Every structure is written in structure tokens, then in C-alpha cells.
Amino acid sequence: MRHTRAHTANRRSHHGLKVARFVACKDCGTQHLMHRVCLKCGKYRGRLVVDVLKKTVKAAKKAEARKEAKKEAAKPETKKRGATK
């Protein structure tokens, strides 16, 4: 059966996007999404849920390792003299 424009629009009236709601963290004061862990301090409702310091240290170590690997790959390989067939 054919759906008229009015009935289709009535059905789709609930499909609108909602604006993200932010609240201030009680511990550090930064803005974060409601009902989610604060990305700055890692706390949710006063409890430490994510160890942010551990994550940043791990990310820094990984970035340093990536940087070292890139340096090693960029070095031209030197051929040894006198080792010819």
C-alpha cells in the first residue's frame, strides 16, 4: 500500500538527531559526555575507572618506538668492501 507524505513524515518525526549533552567533571572540571568516563582524569561518578597516566605513558613509549623504527628504516645500508664474489 502507498504511504502518503504526511504519514511518512509523521513516522520520521522521531528520527531527528539530538545534540550531545556535556557536563563538567566533578574532579577535574573538564567537559565530558554524560554517563561516560572523563577522558582527562579517568573517573566516573567519583571512582577511578581508567588509569589515564598509564595509558599516556604507554602511548608515548609506542610513539617513541615507532619513531626509532622509522629512523632505522631511513638509514641507507652500507655495503662492505672487499666482500665480492
N, C-alpha and C. Protein backbone atom coordinates (compact mmCIF):
# COMPACT_ATOMS: atom_id res chain seq x y z
N MET A 1 0.84 -1.19 0.00
CA MET A 1 0.00 0.00 0.00
C MET A 1 0.88 1.24 0.00
N ARG A 2 0.37 2.27 -0.64
CA ARG A 2 1.12 3.51 -0.73
C ARG A 2 1.05 4.28 0.59
N HIS A 3 2.18 4.83 0.97
CA HIS A 3 2.24 5.68 2.17
C HIS A 3 2.22 7.13 1.71
N THR A 4 1.32 7.89 2.24
CA THR A 4 1.28 9.30 1.86
C THR A 4 2.46 10.04 2.50
N ARG A 5 2.75 11.21 1.98
CA ARG A 5 3.86 12.01 2.52
C ARG A 5 3.63 12.36 3.98
N ALA A 6 2.41 12.63 4.34
CA ALA A 6 2.10 13.02 5.71
C ALA A 6 2.38 11.87 6.68
N HIS A 7 1.97 10.68 6.32
CA HIS A 7 2.19 9.54 7.20
C HIS A 7 3.67 9.22 7.30
N THR A 8 4.39 9.33 6.18
CA THR A 8 5.84 9.09 6.19
C THR A 8 6.53 10.12 7.07
N ALA A 9 6.15 11.38 6.95
CA ALA A 9 6.75 12.45 7.76
C ALA A 9 6.44 12.25 9.24
N ASN A 10 5.22 11.81 9.56
CA ASN A 10 4.87 11.54 10.95
C ASN A 10 5.73 10.44 11.54
N ARG A 11 5.98 9.42 10.75
CA ARG A 11 6.81 8.31 11.23
C ARG A 11 8.25 8.77 11.43
N ARG A 12 8.74 9.61 10.52
CA ARG A 12 10.13 10.05 10.58
C ARG A 12 10.36 11.21 11.55
N SER A 13 9.33 11.70 12.16
CA SER A 13 9.49 12.85 13.06
C SER A 13 10.35 12.51 14.26
N HIS A 14 10.48 11.24 14.57
CA HIS A 14 11.28 10.80 15.72
C HIS A 14 12.71 10.47 15.33
N HIS A 15 13.08 10.62 14.06
CA HIS A 15 14.40 10.25 13.58
C HIS A 15 15.40 11.39 13.70
N GLY A 16 15.00 12.52 14.23
CA GLY A 16 15.91 13.67 14.32
C GLY A 16 17.09 13.41 15.24
N LEU A 17 18.23 14.00 14.92
CA LEU A 17 19.42 13.84 15.75
C LEU A 17 19.31 14.73 16.98
N LYS A 18 19.85 14.24 18.07
CA LYS A 18 19.86 15.01 19.30
C LYS A 18 21.24 15.58 19.52
N VAL A 19 21.32 16.72 20.17
CA VAL A 19 22.59 17.37 20.47
C VAL A 19 23.26 16.62 21.61
N ALA A 20 24.58 16.45 21.51
CA ALA A 20 25.33 15.78 22.57
C ALA A 20 25.28 16.63 23.83
N ARG A 21 25.05 15.98 24.98
CA ARG A 21 24.94 16.70 26.25
C ARG A 21 26.24 16.53 27.02
N PHE A 22 26.82 17.65 27.40
CA PHE A 22 28.07 17.64 28.14
C PHE A 22 27.83 18.10 29.57
N VAL A 23 28.65 17.59 30.48
CA VAL A 23 28.62 18.01 31.88
C VAL A 23 30.06 18.23 32.32
N ALA A 24 30.23 19.00 33.38
CA ALA A 24 31.57 19.24 33.92
C ALA A 24 31.93 18.10 34.87
N CYS A 25 33.16 17.64 34.77
CA CYS A 25 33.66 16.60 35.67
C CYS A 25 33.76 17.16 37.07
N LYS A 26 33.33 16.40 38.06
CA LYS A 26 33.35 16.87 39.44
C LYS A 26 34.76 16.94 40.01
N ASP A 27 35.69 16.13 39.47
CA ASP A 27 37.05 16.10 39.99
C ASP A 27 37.97 17.11 39.31
N CYS A 28 37.98 17.12 37.95
CA CYS A 28 38.93 17.99 37.25
C CYS A 28 38.27 19.19 36.58
N GLY A 29 36.96 19.17 36.40
CA GLY A 29 36.25 20.31 35.84
C GLY A 29 36.16 20.36 34.33
N THR A 30 36.73 19.40 33.62
CA THR A 30 36.65 19.41 32.16
C THR A 30 35.28 18.91 31.71
N GLN A 31 34.91 19.27 30.51
CA GLN A 31 33.64 18.84 29.94
C GLN A 31 33.76 17.44 29.36
N HIS A 32 32.77 16.58 29.62
CA HIS A 32 32.73 15.25 29.03
C HIS A 32 31.27 14.87 28.79
N LEU A 33 31.05 13.86 27.97
CA LEU A 33 29.71 13.40 27.67
C LEU A 33 29.06 12.82 28.92
N MET A 34 27.75 13.01 29.03
CA MET A 34 27.02 12.48 30.18
C MET A 34 27.10 10.96 30.21
N HIS A 35 27.17 10.41 31.40
CA HIS A 35 27.18 8.96 31.64
C HIS A 35 28.37 8.28 31.00
N ARG A 36 29.48 9.02 30.86
CA ARG A 36 30.69 8.44 30.29
C ARG A 36 31.89 8.83 31.16
N VAL A 37 32.96 8.08 31.05
CA VAL A 37 34.17 8.34 31.82
C VAL A 37 34.81 9.63 31.33
N CYS A 38 35.34 10.41 32.26
CA CYS A 38 36.07 11.63 31.91
C CYS A 38 37.38 11.22 31.26
N LEU A 39 37.68 11.75 30.08
CA LEU A 39 38.89 11.38 29.37
C LEU A 39 40.13 12.04 29.95
N LYS A 40 39.95 13.09 30.72
CA LYS A 40 41.09 13.81 31.31
C LYS A 40 41.61 13.11 32.57
N CYS A 41 40.71 12.75 33.49
CA CYS A 41 41.16 12.16 34.75
C CYS A 41 40.83 10.67 34.86
N GLY A 42 39.94 10.16 34.01
CA GLY A 42 39.62 8.73 34.02
C GLY A 42 38.63 8.31 35.08
N LYS A 43 37.90 9.26 35.66
CA LYS A 43 36.96 8.93 36.73
C LYS A 43 35.53 8.98 36.23
N TYR A 44 34.68 8.15 36.84
CA TYR A 44 33.25 8.16 36.58
C TYR A 44 32.54 8.06 37.92
N ARG A 45 31.72 9.03 38.23
CA ARG A 45 30.98 9.11 39.48
C ARG A 45 31.89 8.99 40.70
N GLY A 46 33.06 9.65 40.63
CA GLY A 46 33.97 9.69 41.75
C GLY A 46 34.93 8.53 41.88
N ARG A 47 34.77 7.50 41.05
CA ARG A 47 35.66 6.34 41.12
C ARG A 47 36.61 6.34 39.94
N LEU A 48 37.85 5.93 40.16
CA LEU A 48 38.83 5.81 39.09
C LEU A 48 38.51 4.57 38.28
N VAL A 49 38.17 4.76 37.01
CA VAL A 49 37.79 3.65 36.14
C VAL A 49 38.90 3.34 35.16
N VAL A 50 39.54 4.38 34.61
CA VAL A 50 40.60 4.22 33.62
C VAL A 50 41.85 4.90 34.15
N ASP A 51 42.98 4.18 34.13
CA ASP A 51 44.24 4.77 34.56
C ASP A 51 44.82 5.56 33.39
N VAL A 52 44.54 6.86 33.35
CA VAL A 52 44.91 7.71 32.23
C VAL A 52 46.42 7.87 32.16
N LEU A 53 47.09 7.98 33.29
CA LEU A 53 48.55 8.14 33.31
C LEU A 53 49.23 6.93 32.67
N LYS A 54 48.75 5.75 32.99
CA LYS A 54 49.30 4.52 32.42
C LYS A 54 49.11 4.50 30.90
N LYS A 55 47.93 4.94 30.45
CA LYS A 55 47.66 4.96 29.02
C LYS A 55 48.55 5.95 28.28
N THR A 56 48.78 7.13 28.86
CA THR A 56 49.62 8.13 28.20
C THR A 56 51.07 7.68 28.15
N VAL A 57 51.55 7.04 29.21
CA VAL A 57 52.93 6.53 29.21
C VAL A 57 53.09 5.46 28.15
N LYS A 58 52.11 4.57 28.05
CA LYS A 58 52.15 3.50 27.05
C LYS A 58 52.13 4.08 25.63
N ALA A 59 51.29 5.09 25.40
CA ALA A 59 51.20 5.71 24.09
C ALA A 59 52.50 6.43 23.74
N ALA A 60 53.13 7.09 24.71
CA ALA A 60 54.39 7.78 24.47
C ALA A 60 55.50 6.78 24.12
N LYS A 61 55.52 5.65 24.84
CA LYS A 61 56.51 4.62 24.57
C LYS A 61 56.34 4.05 23.16
N LYS A 62 55.09 3.83 22.78
CA LYS A 62 54.79 3.28 21.46
C LYS A 62 55.19 4.26 20.36
N ALA A 63 54.94 5.55 20.58
CA ALA A 63 55.30 6.57 19.60
C ALA A 63 56.82 6.66 19.46
N GLU A 64 57.53 6.55 20.57
CA GLU A 64 58.99 6.59 20.53
C GLU A 64 59.55 5.39 19.77
N ALA A 65 58.98 4.22 20.01
CA ALA A 65 59.42 3.01 19.31
C ALA A 65 59.16 3.13 17.81
N ARG A 66 58.01 3.71 17.47
CA ARG A 66 57.67 3.91 16.06
C ARG A 66 58.66 4.87 15.40
N LYS A 67 59.04 5.92 16.15
CA LYS A 67 59.98 6.91 15.65
C LYS A 67 61.35 6.28 15.42
N GLU A 68 61.80 5.44 16.35
CA GLU A 68 63.09 4.75 16.22
C GLU A 68 63.07 3.80 15.03
N ALA A 69 61.97 3.08 14.84
CA ALA A 69 61.87 2.15 13.72
C ALA A 69 61.91 2.90 12.39
N LYS A 70 61.31 4.07 12.36
CA LYS A 70 61.31 4.88 11.14
C LYS A 70 62.73 5.37 10.84
N LYS A 71 63.48 5.74 11.89
CA LYS A 71 64.87 6.18 11.71
C LYS A 71 65.72 5.05 11.15
N GLU A 72 65.55 3.85 11.71
CA GLU A 72 66.32 2.70 11.26
C GLU A 72 66.00 2.35 9.81
N ALA A 73 64.76 2.49 9.43
CA ALA A 73 64.37 2.17 8.06
C ALA A 73 64.90 3.21 7.08
N ALA A 74 65.10 4.44 7.54
CA ALA A 74 65.56 5.51 6.66
C ALA A 74 67.07 5.47 6.42
N LYS A 75 67.83 4.79 7.29
CA LYS A 75 69.28 4.71 7.13
C LYS A 75 69.61 3.88 5.89
N PRO A 76 70.53 4.40 5.06
CA PRO A 76 70.93 3.59 3.89
C PRO A 76 71.88 2.49 4.35
N GLU A 77 71.71 1.32 3.78
CA GLU A 77 72.57 0.21 4.15
C GLU A 77 73.90 0.33 3.43
N THR A 78 74.98 0.18 4.16
CA THR A 78 76.32 0.29 3.56
C THR A 78 76.81 -1.09 3.19
N LYS A 79 77.44 -1.17 2.05
CA LYS A 79 77.99 -2.45 1.59
C LYS A 79 79.42 -2.56 2.06
N LYS A 80 79.83 -3.77 2.45
CA LYS A 80 81.19 -3.99 2.88
C LYS A 80 82.10 -4.10 1.67
N ARG A 81 83.24 -3.42 1.75
CA ARG A 81 84.19 -3.50 0.65
C ARG A 81 85.03 -4.76 0.81
N GLY A 82 85.40 -5.29 -0.33
CA GLY A 82 86.25 -6.46 -0.31
C GLY A 82 85.48 -7.77 -0.23
N ALA A 83 84.22 -7.69 -0.03
CA ALA A 83 83.40 -8.91 0.04
C ALA A 83 82.68 -9.10 -1.28
N THR A 84 83.46 -9.32 -2.34
CA THR A 84 82.85 -9.54 -3.65
C THR A 84 83.04 -10.98 -4.06
N LYS A 85 82.24 -11.44 -4.94
CA LYS A 85 82.32 -12.82 -5.40
C LYS A 85 83.20 -12.94 -6.60
